[in-house]
Amino acid sequence: MLKKDYANVPIVNSVDDVVRRLLSLEMANQKEKVKIKTQQLVEKVRRSPNDNGSFEVQIAMLTAKIRTYEEHLQKHPKDKNNRRRMLMDVDRRKKLLAYLRRVRYDIFENTCKQLNIQYTLPPAYSRRITKRWLAKKAFCIKVFKEAQKLKAPERLKQRQEWRARARARAEKQKEAQQSEGTPV
């Protein structure tokens, strides 16, 4: 594939292979490659030729940047600055997708399909788990179990009383039915 500037020039077809290779994306710098990737993704979701700021276009541009960051991070896994930028762009894209999903679901589905994005719903409630929170939870569970043990004899006594009352009620009903003369 040739660079954008040389794609429509008619003389390019008659040039030597070396010159064609120099003009191709293979020899292009990273900025030009990202620009072409962005244009390709934007063309998939663009509403009209003048559409440069709709949510779909913004999502496509962020997707191109994120994919570029992912490629870079595969080569340079210790690059924390670019990882941070990528995560910021992922969050921004997630917000735009959530808004688009809420407002225009059909466009949201089409955008996700065209850009090959897999959107997962955020959890209903999330809590940051810390060591302090885990210790507090374990302590609360321990206290609850101790309280259950202390209340166990009292509960047993209540159950026995309830059963005795239930038996007494059942016997009263039997006696009432027998006194009326209906068979049990």
Protein backbone atom coordinates (compact mmCIF):
# COMPACT_ATOMS: atom_id res chain seq x y z
CA MET A 1 0.00 0.00 0.00
CA LEU A 2 1.35 3.43 -0.93
CA LYS A 3 1.47 6.52 1.23
CA LYS A 4 -1.52 8.82 0.97
CA ASP A 5 0.31 11.50 -1.02
CA TYR A 6 1.48 9.07 -3.71
CA ALA A 7 -1.58 6.83 -4.05
CA ASN A 8 -3.28 8.86 -6.80
CA VAL A 9 -0.18 9.76 -8.84
CA PRO A 10 -0.29 8.00 -12.27
CA ILE A 11 3.51 7.78 -12.67
CA VAL A 12 3.84 5.52 -9.60
CA ASN A 13 2.79 2.45 -11.60
CA SER A 14 5.73 2.82 -13.99
CA VAL A 15 8.43 3.36 -11.35
CA ASP A 16 11.09 0.94 -10.23
CA ASP A 17 10.33 -1.51 -7.36
CA VAL A 18 12.87 0.20 -5.11
CA VAL A 19 11.20 3.59 -5.53
CA ARG A 20 7.76 2.04 -5.03
CA ARG A 21 9.00 0.41 -1.81
CA LEU A 22 10.33 3.77 -0.58
CA LEU A 23 6.92 5.33 -1.23
CA SER A 24 5.03 2.47 0.42
CA LEU A 25 3.81 2.27 4.02
CA GLU A 26 6.61 -0.16 4.74
CA MET A 27 9.06 2.75 4.80
CA ALA A 28 6.62 5.25 6.33
CA ASN A 29 7.20 6.60 9.82
CA GLN A 30 4.92 5.69 12.71
CA LYS A 31 2.93 8.91 12.53
CA GLU A 32 1.94 8.29 8.91
CA LYS A 33 0.97 4.68 9.66
CA VAL A 34 -1.24 5.78 12.57
CA LYS A 35 -2.83 8.45 10.41
CA ILE A 36 -3.76 5.90 7.74
CA LYS A 37 -5.09 3.41 10.32
CA THR A 38 -7.21 6.17 11.82
CA GLN A 39 -8.57 7.19 8.43
CA GLN A 40 -9.49 3.60 7.60
CA LEU A 41 -11.36 3.11 10.87
CA VAL A 42 -13.09 6.50 10.61
CA GLU A 43 -14.26 5.71 7.06
CA LYS A 44 -16.06 2.61 8.36
CA VAL A 45 -18.29 4.55 10.80
CA ARG A 46 -18.48 8.04 9.28
CA ARG A 47 -22.04 9.30 8.60
CA SER A 48 -21.07 11.74 5.83
CA PRO A 49 -17.86 12.99 4.20
CA ASN A 50 -17.86 16.08 6.45
CA ASP A 51 -18.46 14.12 9.68
CA ASN A 52 -15.41 14.62 11.88
CA GLY A 53 -16.79 15.00 15.39
CA SER A 54 -19.64 12.55 15.93
CA PHE A 55 -19.39 10.02 18.72
CA GLU A 56 -18.73 7.19 16.28
CA VAL A 57 -15.80 9.06 14.71
CA GLN A 58 -14.36 9.91 18.12
CA ILE A 59 -14.62 6.25 19.14
CA ALA A 60 -12.91 5.18 15.90
CA MET A 61 -10.05 7.62 16.47
CA LEU A 62 -9.58 6.43 20.05
CA THR A 63 -9.67 2.81 18.86
CA ALA A 64 -6.87 3.50 16.38
CA LYS A 65 -4.78 5.13 19.12
CA ILE A 66 -5.44 2.26 21.53
CA ARG A 67 -4.43 -0.36 18.97
CA THR A 68 -1.24 1.56 18.22
CA TYR A 69 -0.44 1.70 21.94
CA GLU A 70 -1.08 -2.05 22.22
CA GLU A 71 1.36 -2.79 19.39
CA HIS A 72 3.94 -0.51 20.99
CA LEU A 73 3.50 -2.11 24.42
CA GLN A 74 4.01 -5.58 23.00
CA LYS A 75 7.47 -4.49 21.88
CA HIS A 76 8.18 -2.35 24.96
CA PRO A 77 6.30 -3.84 27.94
CA LYS A 78 8.02 -1.60 30.52
CA ASP A 79 6.88 1.66 28.94
CA LYS A 80 4.65 2.88 31.79
CA ASN A 81 3.90 6.28 30.28
CA ASN A 82 2.34 4.87 27.12
CA ARG A 83 0.48 2.24 29.18
CA ARG A 84 -1.02 5.07 31.24
CA ARG A 85 -2.02 6.98 28.11
CA MET A 86 -3.57 3.85 26.64
CA LEU A 87 -5.62 3.24 29.80
CA MET A 88 -6.79 6.86 29.77
CA ASP A 89 -7.89 6.48 26.14
CA VAL A 90 -9.63 3.18 26.96
CA ASP A 91 -11.56 4.91 29.76
CA ARG A 92 -12.50 7.80 27.48
CA ARG A 93 -13.69 5.37 24.78
CA LYS A 94 -15.64 3.41 27.39
CA LYS A 95 -17.46 6.58 28.47
CA LEU A 96 -18.31 7.46 24.87
CA LEU A 97 -19.53 3.91 24.20
CA ALA A 98 -21.67 3.94 27.34
CA TYR A 99 -23.26 7.22 26.28
CA LEU A 100 -23.84 6.00 22.73
CA ARG A 101 -25.34 2.76 24.08
CA ARG A 102 -27.71 4.73 26.29
CA VAL A 103 -28.79 7.24 23.63
CA ARG A 104 -28.63 5.50 20.22
CA TYR A 105 -28.36 1.73 20.65
CA ASP A 106 -28.54 0.92 16.93
CA ILE A 107 -25.57 3.16 16.14
CA PHE A 108 -23.73 1.72 19.16
CA GLU A 109 -24.17 -1.84 17.86
CA ASN A 110 -23.11 -0.86 14.35
CA THR A 111 -20.02 0.98 15.63
CA CYS A 112 -18.94 -1.95 17.79
CA LYS A 113 -19.41 -4.36 14.90
CA GLN A 114 -17.55 -2.17 12.37
CA LEU A 115 -14.60 -1.46 14.69
CA ASN A 116 -14.53 -4.98 16.15
CA ILE A 117 -14.98 -3.75 19.74
CA GLN A 118 -16.30 -6.09 22.41
CA TYR A 119 -18.20 -3.97 24.93
CA THR A 120 -18.80 -5.45 28.37
CA LEU A 121 -21.23 -3.92 30.81
CA PRO A 122 -19.71 -2.41 33.94
CA PRO A 123 -20.52 -4.21 37.21
CA ALA A 124 -23.56 -2.95 39.10
CA TYR A 125 -21.45 -2.33 42.19
CA SER A 126 -17.73 -2.59 42.62
CA ARG A 127 -15.66 -2.13 45.72
CA ARG A 128 -11.94 -1.73 45.94
CA ILE A 129 -10.63 -4.67 47.93
CA THR A 130 -7.89 -3.76 50.39
CA LYS A 131 -6.17 -5.74 53.12
CA ARG A 132 -7.92 -3.63 55.74
CA TRP A 133 -11.32 -4.35 54.21
CA LEU A 134 -10.58 -8.11 54.04
CA ALA A 135 -9.45 -8.14 57.69
CA LYS A 136 -12.57 -6.22 58.75
CA LYS A 137 -14.82 -8.61 56.81
CA ALA A 138 -13.13 -11.67 58.36
CA PHE A 139 -13.53 -10.14 61.83
CA CYS A 140 -17.22 -9.40 61.22
CA ILE A 141 -17.82 -12.97 60.07
CA LYS A 142 -16.03 -14.30 63.16
CA VAL A 143 -18.12 -12.10 65.48
CA PHE A 144 -21.32 -13.15 63.69
CA LYS A 145 -20.49 -16.86 64.14
CA GLU A 146 -19.71 -16.34 67.84
CA ALA A 147 -23.03 -14.54 68.30
CA GLN A 148 -24.81 -17.42 66.52
CA LYS A 149 -23.17 -19.90 68.90
CA LEU A 150 -24.30 -17.88 71.93
CA LYS A 151 -27.85 -17.62 70.62
CA ALA A 152 -28.08 -21.31 69.62
CA PRO A 153 -29.47 -22.65 72.97
CA GLU A 154 -32.02 -19.82 73.10
CA ARG A 155 -33.15 -20.54 69.53
CA LEU A 156 -33.43 -24.25 70.28
CA LYS A 157 -35.66 -23.45 73.24
CA GLN A 158 -37.84 -21.18 71.04
CA ARG A 159 -38.19 -23.88 68.38
CA GLN A 160 -39.25 -26.42 70.99
CA GLU A 161 -41.84 -23.96 72.33
CA TRP A 162 -43.16 -23.30 68.81
CA ARG A 163 -43.41 -27.04 68.13
CA ALA A 164 -45.23 -27.59 71.43
CA ARG A 165 -47.70 -24.77 70.58
CA ALA A 166 -48.20 -26.18 67.09
CA ARG A 167 -48.91 -29.66 68.54
CA ALA A 168 -51.35 -28.16 71.05
CA ARG A 169 -53.16 -26.29 68.25
CA ALA A 170 -53.32 -29.44 66.13
CA GLU A 171 -54.76 -31.42 69.08
CA LYS A 172 -57.36 -28.69 69.73
CA GLN A 173 -58.39 -28.80 66.08
CA LYS A 174 -58.70 -32.61 66.24
CA GLU A 175 -60.84 -32.37 69.38
CA ALA A 176 -63.00 -29.66 67.80
CA GLN A 177 -63.50 -31.77 64.65
CA GLN A 178 -64.34 -34.87 66.72
CA SER A 179 -66.80 -32.95 68.85
CA GLU A 180 -68.56 -31.71 65.71
CA GLY A 181 -68.75 -35.27 64.48
CA THR A 182 -66.69 -34.96 61.33
CA PRO A 183 -64.19 -37.75 60.73
CA VAL A 184 -60.54 -36.88 60.73
